[in-house]
């Protein structure tokens, strides 16, 4: 029993330290954004719990119970949402799409960020599979972005991935996933008289962690024949984006977008 307690204390301490390191890695690389410091929460809890198991930190019985009663439902709720997010990893095209909709992400002077490049390469794969499908790139210009996401996505598809410019529609006003889907529908209604939310099949391309939320927002926006094609995520970024997505799902649920 003492061995198990000792092992658990060491493991929790290591996890806590790793979370401290991850916090600052996310912050200084710029990948973490406003949520970089969320990793301080498991970092502090890990070190605190390790100290309690080692007997170096002493809490009264009521304090331990309070921690248990507060943390247990939070952790269970978090894990349930993460499993739901994970279900989006298995999305795949259900039928040949008329439109391939690529959702935007950060662009820089040097080009699309790593996450966005993954989406665009995934879009290239499906564009070559479904040669008659048009491509919609959707994303506006953030405060720190040098140009719109839509315009840079089009440039990358044409210049780097050799996709014909004639196959691409650009939406460049949206600021979030909800607006991506809303403004894309409005654009397609103008470009294509036969387009309808009920009958036009579309394929959403985004990263695996983002797919579940994107699909739910699309369905809420009225798209009925929608499927997804998730791209992968760099393993270093994966934990952070899964936590970020948890927060995004709660926000969109509260706003009635899902």
Protein backbone atom coordinates (compact mmCIF):
# COMPACT_ATOMS: atom_id res chain seq x y z
CA UNK A 1 0.00 0.00 0.00
CA UNK A 2 2.87 2.34 0.85
CA UNK A 3 4.46 1.53 -2.51
CA UNK A 4 1.23 2.40 -4.34
CA UNK A 5 0.92 5.67 -2.43
CA UNK A 6 4.57 6.51 -3.10
CA UNK A 7 4.25 5.64 -6.79
CA UNK A 8 1.05 7.71 -7.11
CA UNK A 9 2.71 10.69 -5.42
CA UNK A 10 5.69 10.56 -7.78
CA UNK A 11 3.42 10.16 -10.82
CA UNK A 12 1.21 13.09 -9.82
CA UNK A 13 4.26 15.26 -9.14
CA UNK A 14 5.70 14.44 -12.59
CA UNK A 15 2.35 15.18 -14.26
CA UNK A 16 2.16 18.49 -12.39
CA UNK A 17 5.65 19.51 -13.49
CA UNK A 18 4.94 18.50 -17.09
CA UNK A 19 1.81 20.65 -17.03
CA UNK A 20 3.87 23.61 -15.78
CA UNK A 21 6.31 23.11 -18.65
CA UNK A 22 3.46 22.69 -21.15
CA UNK A 23 1.88 25.93 -19.94
CA UNK A 24 4.90 27.98 -20.85
CA UNK A 25 5.57 26.01 -24.04
CA UNK A 26 2.06 26.88 -25.25
CA UNK A 27 2.47 30.52 -24.24
CA UNK A 28 5.92 31.21 -25.71
CA UNK A 29 5.30 29.31 -28.96
CA UNK A 30 2.06 31.23 -29.44
CA UNK A 31 0.01 28.07 -29.97
CA UNK A 32 -1.90 28.34 -26.70
CA UNK A 33 -3.49 31.73 -27.16
CA UNK A 34 -5.64 33.01 -24.31
CA UNK A 35 -5.95 29.54 -22.81
CA UNK A 36 -2.23 28.88 -22.35
CA UNK A 37 -2.42 29.24 -18.59
CA UNK A 38 -5.32 26.82 -18.14
CA UNK A 39 -2.63 24.17 -17.77
CA UNK A 40 -1.61 25.73 -14.46
CA UNK A 41 -4.76 24.20 -12.94
CA UNK A 42 -3.72 20.53 -13.36
CA UNK A 43 -0.14 21.56 -12.63
CA UNK A 44 -1.04 22.97 -9.21
CA UNK A 45 -3.48 20.15 -8.44
CA UNK A 46 -0.92 17.49 -9.36
CA UNK A 47 1.79 18.93 -7.12
CA UNK A 48 -0.71 19.57 -4.31
CA UNK A 49 -2.09 16.05 -4.44
CA UNK A 50 1.42 14.56 -4.52
CA UNK A 51 2.28 16.57 -1.42
CA UNK A 52 -0.84 15.30 0.33
CA UNK A 53 0.00 11.67 -0.44
CA UNK A 54 3.53 12.19 0.84
CA UNK A 55 2.24 13.82 4.01
CA UNK A 56 4.07 17.07 3.30
CA UNK A 57 0.80 18.96 2.84
CA UNK A 58 -1.88 18.41 5.45
CA UNK A 59 -5.54 19.22 4.95
CA UNK A 60 -8.34 18.86 7.44
CA UNK A 61 -10.95 16.19 6.82
CA UNK A 62 -13.60 18.70 5.71
CA UNK A 63 -11.15 20.27 3.27
CA UNK A 64 -10.39 16.89 1.71
CA UNK A 65 -14.11 16.17 1.37
CA UNK A 66 -14.73 19.54 -0.22
CA UNK A 67 -12.00 18.89 -2.79
CA UNK A 68 -13.45 15.46 -3.51
CA UNK A 69 -17.03 16.69 -3.88
CA UNK A 70 -16.01 19.59 -6.14
CA UNK A 71 -13.37 17.93 -8.30
CA UNK A 72 -15.04 14.56 -8.93
CA UNK A 73 -18.11 15.84 -10.85
CA UNK A 74 -15.96 18.37 -12.74
CA UNK A 75 -13.52 15.67 -13.86
CA UNK A 76 -16.32 13.27 -14.83
CA UNK A 77 -18.13 16.00 -16.80
CA UNK A 78 -14.89 16.97 -18.55
CA UNK A 79 -14.16 13.36 -19.53
CA UNK A 80 -17.69 12.84 -20.89
CA UNK A 81 -17.38 15.92 -23.13
CA UNK A 82 -13.94 14.79 -24.29
CA UNK A 83 -15.37 11.41 -25.33
CA UNK A 84 -18.09 13.24 -27.28
CA UNK A 85 -15.44 15.38 -28.99
CA UNK A 86 -13.50 12.21 -29.81
CA UNK A 87 -16.53 10.78 -31.62
CA UNK A 88 -15.97 13.38 -34.35
CA UNK A 89 -12.63 11.78 -35.23
CA UNK A 90 -14.49 9.02 -37.06
CA UNK A 91 -16.50 11.21 -39.43
CA UNK A 92 -16.18 10.39 -43.13
CA UNK A 93 -17.96 11.31 -46.38
CA UNK A 94 -21.42 9.72 -46.58
CA UNK A 95 -21.94 10.55 -50.25
CA UNK A 96 -20.26 12.50 -53.03
CA UNK A 97 -20.35 16.17 -52.00
CA UNK A 98 -21.22 19.05 -54.25
CA UNK A 99 -19.18 21.39 -52.04
CA UNK A 100 -16.09 20.83 -49.91
CA UNK A 101 -16.11 23.46 -47.15
CA UNK A 102 -12.72 24.14 -45.54
CA UNK A 103 -12.93 25.97 -42.22
CA UNK A 104 -10.38 28.70 -41.52
CA UNK A 105 -7.72 29.09 -38.85
CA UNK A 106 -4.88 31.50 -38.16
CA UNK A 107 -2.85 32.90 -41.05
CA UNK A 108 0.48 34.72 -40.75
CA UNK A 109 2.80 36.63 -43.07
CA UNK A 110 4.55 33.33 -43.72
CA UNK A 111 1.26 31.63 -44.69
CA UNK A 112 -1.30 29.36 -43.03
CA UNK A 113 -0.54 28.10 -39.54
CA UNK A 114 0.28 24.42 -39.08
CA UNK A 115 -3.29 23.54 -38.09
CA UNK A 116 -4.69 25.23 -41.22
CA UNK A 117 -2.14 23.59 -43.51
CA UNK A 118 -3.36 20.22 -42.27
CA UNK A 119 -6.92 21.15 -43.18
CA UNK A 120 -5.91 22.34 -46.64
CA UNK A 121 -3.94 19.17 -47.38
CA UNK A 122 -6.94 17.11 -46.30
CA UNK A 123 -9.11 19.21 -48.61
CA UNK A 124 -6.71 18.56 -51.48
CA UNK A 125 -7.11 14.81 -50.96
CA UNK A 126 -10.89 14.98 -51.17
CA UNK A 127 -10.82 17.49 -54.04
CA UNK A 128 -8.81 14.96 -56.04
CA UNK A 129 -11.23 12.20 -55.03
CA UNK A 130 -14.34 14.21 -55.93
CA UNK A 131 -13.19 16.07 -59.02
CA UNK A 132 -16.58 17.66 -59.72
CA UNK A 133 -16.91 19.17 -56.25
CA UNK A 134 -16.39 22.89 -55.72
CA UNK A 135 -14.32 24.08 -52.76
CA UNK A 136 -15.38 26.81 -50.33
CA UNK A 137 -12.65 28.34 -48.16
CA UNK A 138 -14.13 30.29 -45.28
CA UNK A 139 -12.57 32.69 -42.79
CA UNK A 140 -12.28 36.43 -42.21
CA UNK A 141 -9.42 38.55 -40.91
CA UNK A 142 -8.53 38.52 -37.22
CA UNK A 143 -6.97 41.48 -35.42
CA UNK A 144 -3.44 40.06 -35.70
CA UNK A 145 -3.78 38.53 -39.16
CA UNK A 146 -2.18 40.28 -42.16
CA UNK A 147 -4.96 39.21 -44.55
CA UNK A 148 -8.17 37.20 -44.56
CA UNK A 149 -8.02 33.49 -43.91
CA UNK A 150 -10.16 32.82 -46.97
CA UNK A 151 -7.84 34.63 -49.37
CA UNK A 152 -4.72 32.95 -47.96
CA UNK A 153 -6.37 29.54 -48.06
CA UNK A 154 -7.20 30.04 -51.72
CA UNK A 155 -3.63 31.12 -52.46
CA UNK A 156 -2.22 28.05 -50.71
CA UNK A 157 -4.56 25.67 -52.53
CA UNK A 158 -3.72 27.17 -55.91
CA UNK A 159 0.01 27.84 -55.54
CA UNK A 160 1.11 25.07 -53.17
CA UNK A 161 -1.37 22.26 -53.86
CA UNK A 162 -2.13 22.89 -57.55
CA UNK A 163 -5.91 23.13 -57.18
CA UNK A 164 -7.61 24.97 -60.03
CA UNK A 165 -8.61 28.51 -59.10
CA UNK A 166 -11.91 28.04 -60.93
CA UNK A 167 -12.98 25.43 -58.39
CA UNK A 168 -12.69 27.73 -55.36
CA UNK A 169 -15.22 30.07 -53.75
CA UNK A 170 -13.95 32.42 -51.04
CA UNK A 171 -15.90 33.56 -47.96
CA UNK A 172 -13.90 36.11 -45.97
CA UNK A 173 -16.21 37.78 -43.46
CA UNK A 174 -16.64 35.09 -40.79
CA UNK A 175 -14.96 35.27 -37.38
CA UNK A 176 -15.87 31.88 -35.87
CA UNK A 177 -17.18 28.43 -36.76
CA UNK A 178 -20.82 29.50 -36.47
CA UNK A 179 -20.25 32.34 -38.95
CA UNK A 180 -18.21 30.01 -41.20
CA UNK A 181 -21.30 27.87 -41.71
CA UNK A 182 -23.81 30.74 -41.78
CA UNK A 183 -21.94 32.87 -44.31
CA UNK A 184 -21.00 29.85 -46.44
CA UNK A 185 -24.69 29.04 -46.84
CA UNK A 186 -25.45 32.63 -47.82
CA UNK A 187 -22.58 32.60 -50.35
CA UNK A 188 -23.71 29.34 -51.93
CA UNK A 189 -27.31 30.57 -52.15
CA UNK A 190 -26.02 33.51 -54.25
CA UNK A 191 -23.64 31.47 -56.41
CA UNK A 192 -25.83 28.42 -57.02
CA UNK A 193 -29.56 28.61 -57.71
CA UNK A 194 -29.92 24.89 -57.06
CA UNK A 195 -28.33 25.06 -53.62
CA UNK A 196 -30.53 24.15 -50.67
CA UNK A 197 -29.74 23.36 -47.04
CA UNK A 198 -31.97 20.29 -47.28
CA UNK A 199 -30.68 18.63 -50.45
CA UNK A 200 -27.16 19.85 -51.28
CA UNK A 201 -24.49 17.49 -49.92
CA UNK A 202 -21.49 19.25 -48.36
CA UNK A 203 -18.28 17.93 -46.88
CA UNK A 204 -16.73 19.84 -43.97
CA UNK A 205 -12.95 19.70 -43.69
CA UNK A 206 -11.37 20.67 -40.38
CA UNK A 207 -9.11 19.13 -37.73
CA UNK A 208 -10.20 16.05 -35.83
CA UNK A 209 -10.63 17.86 -32.49
CA UNK A 210 -12.83 20.49 -34.19
CA UNK A 211 -15.02 18.14 -36.21
CA UNK A 212 -17.76 17.29 -33.69
CA UNK A 213 -18.51 20.95 -32.92
CA UNK A 214 -18.39 21.91 -36.60
CA UNK A 215 -20.86 19.19 -37.53
CA UNK A 216 -23.28 20.15 -34.77
CA UNK A 217 -23.12 23.85 -35.68
CA UNK A 218 -23.70 22.99 -39.36
CA UNK A 219 -26.78 20.92 -38.50
CA UNK A 220 -28.07 23.70 -36.25
CA UNK A 221 -27.60 26.13 -39.16
CA UNK A 222 -29.88 23.96 -41.29
CA UNK A 223 -27.53 21.77 -43.33
CA UNK A 224 -29.14 18.35 -43.57
CA UNK A 225 -26.84 16.49 -45.96
CA UNK A 226 -23.56 17.21 -44.22
CA UNK A 227 -20.60 14.95 -43.51
CA UNK A 228 -17.06 15.50 -42.32
CA UNK A 229 -13.45 14.74 -43.25
CA UNK A 230 -11.18 15.32 -40.24
CA UNK A 231 -7.48 16.02 -40.63
CA UNK A 232 -4.97 15.03 -37.99
CA UNK A 233 -3.38 17.18 -35.29
CA UNK A 234 0.28 17.47 -34.32
CA UNK A 235 0.73 15.41 -31.12
CA UNK A 236 2.36 18.30 -29.24
CA UNK A 237 -0.72 20.48 -29.79
CA UNK A 238 -3.31 17.75 -29.32
CA UNK A 239 -3.80 17.98 -25.52
CA UNK A 240 -4.21 21.75 -25.63
CA UNK A 241 -6.70 21.77 -28.48
CA UNK A 242 -8.78 19.06 -26.82
CA UNK A 243 -9.05 21.21 -23.68
CA UNK A 244 -9.71 24.31 -25.79
CA UNK A 245 -12.46 22.47 -27.63
CA UNK A 246 -14.12 21.56 -24.32
CA UNK A 247 -14.41 25.28 -23.53
CA UNK A 248 -15.63 26.08 -27.06
CA UNK A 249 -18.39 23.47 -26.89
CA UNK A 250 -19.67 24.87 -23.60
CA UNK A 251 -19.63 28.39 -25.04
CA UNK A 252 -21.50 27.42 -28.22
CA UNK A 253 -24.03 25.36 -26.29
CA UNK A 254 -24.80 28.31 -24.01
CA UNK A 255 -25.14 30.60 -27.07
CA UNK A 256 -27.57 28.16 -28.68
CA UNK A 257 -25.35 27.41 -31.67
CA UNK A 258 -25.32 23.64 -31.16
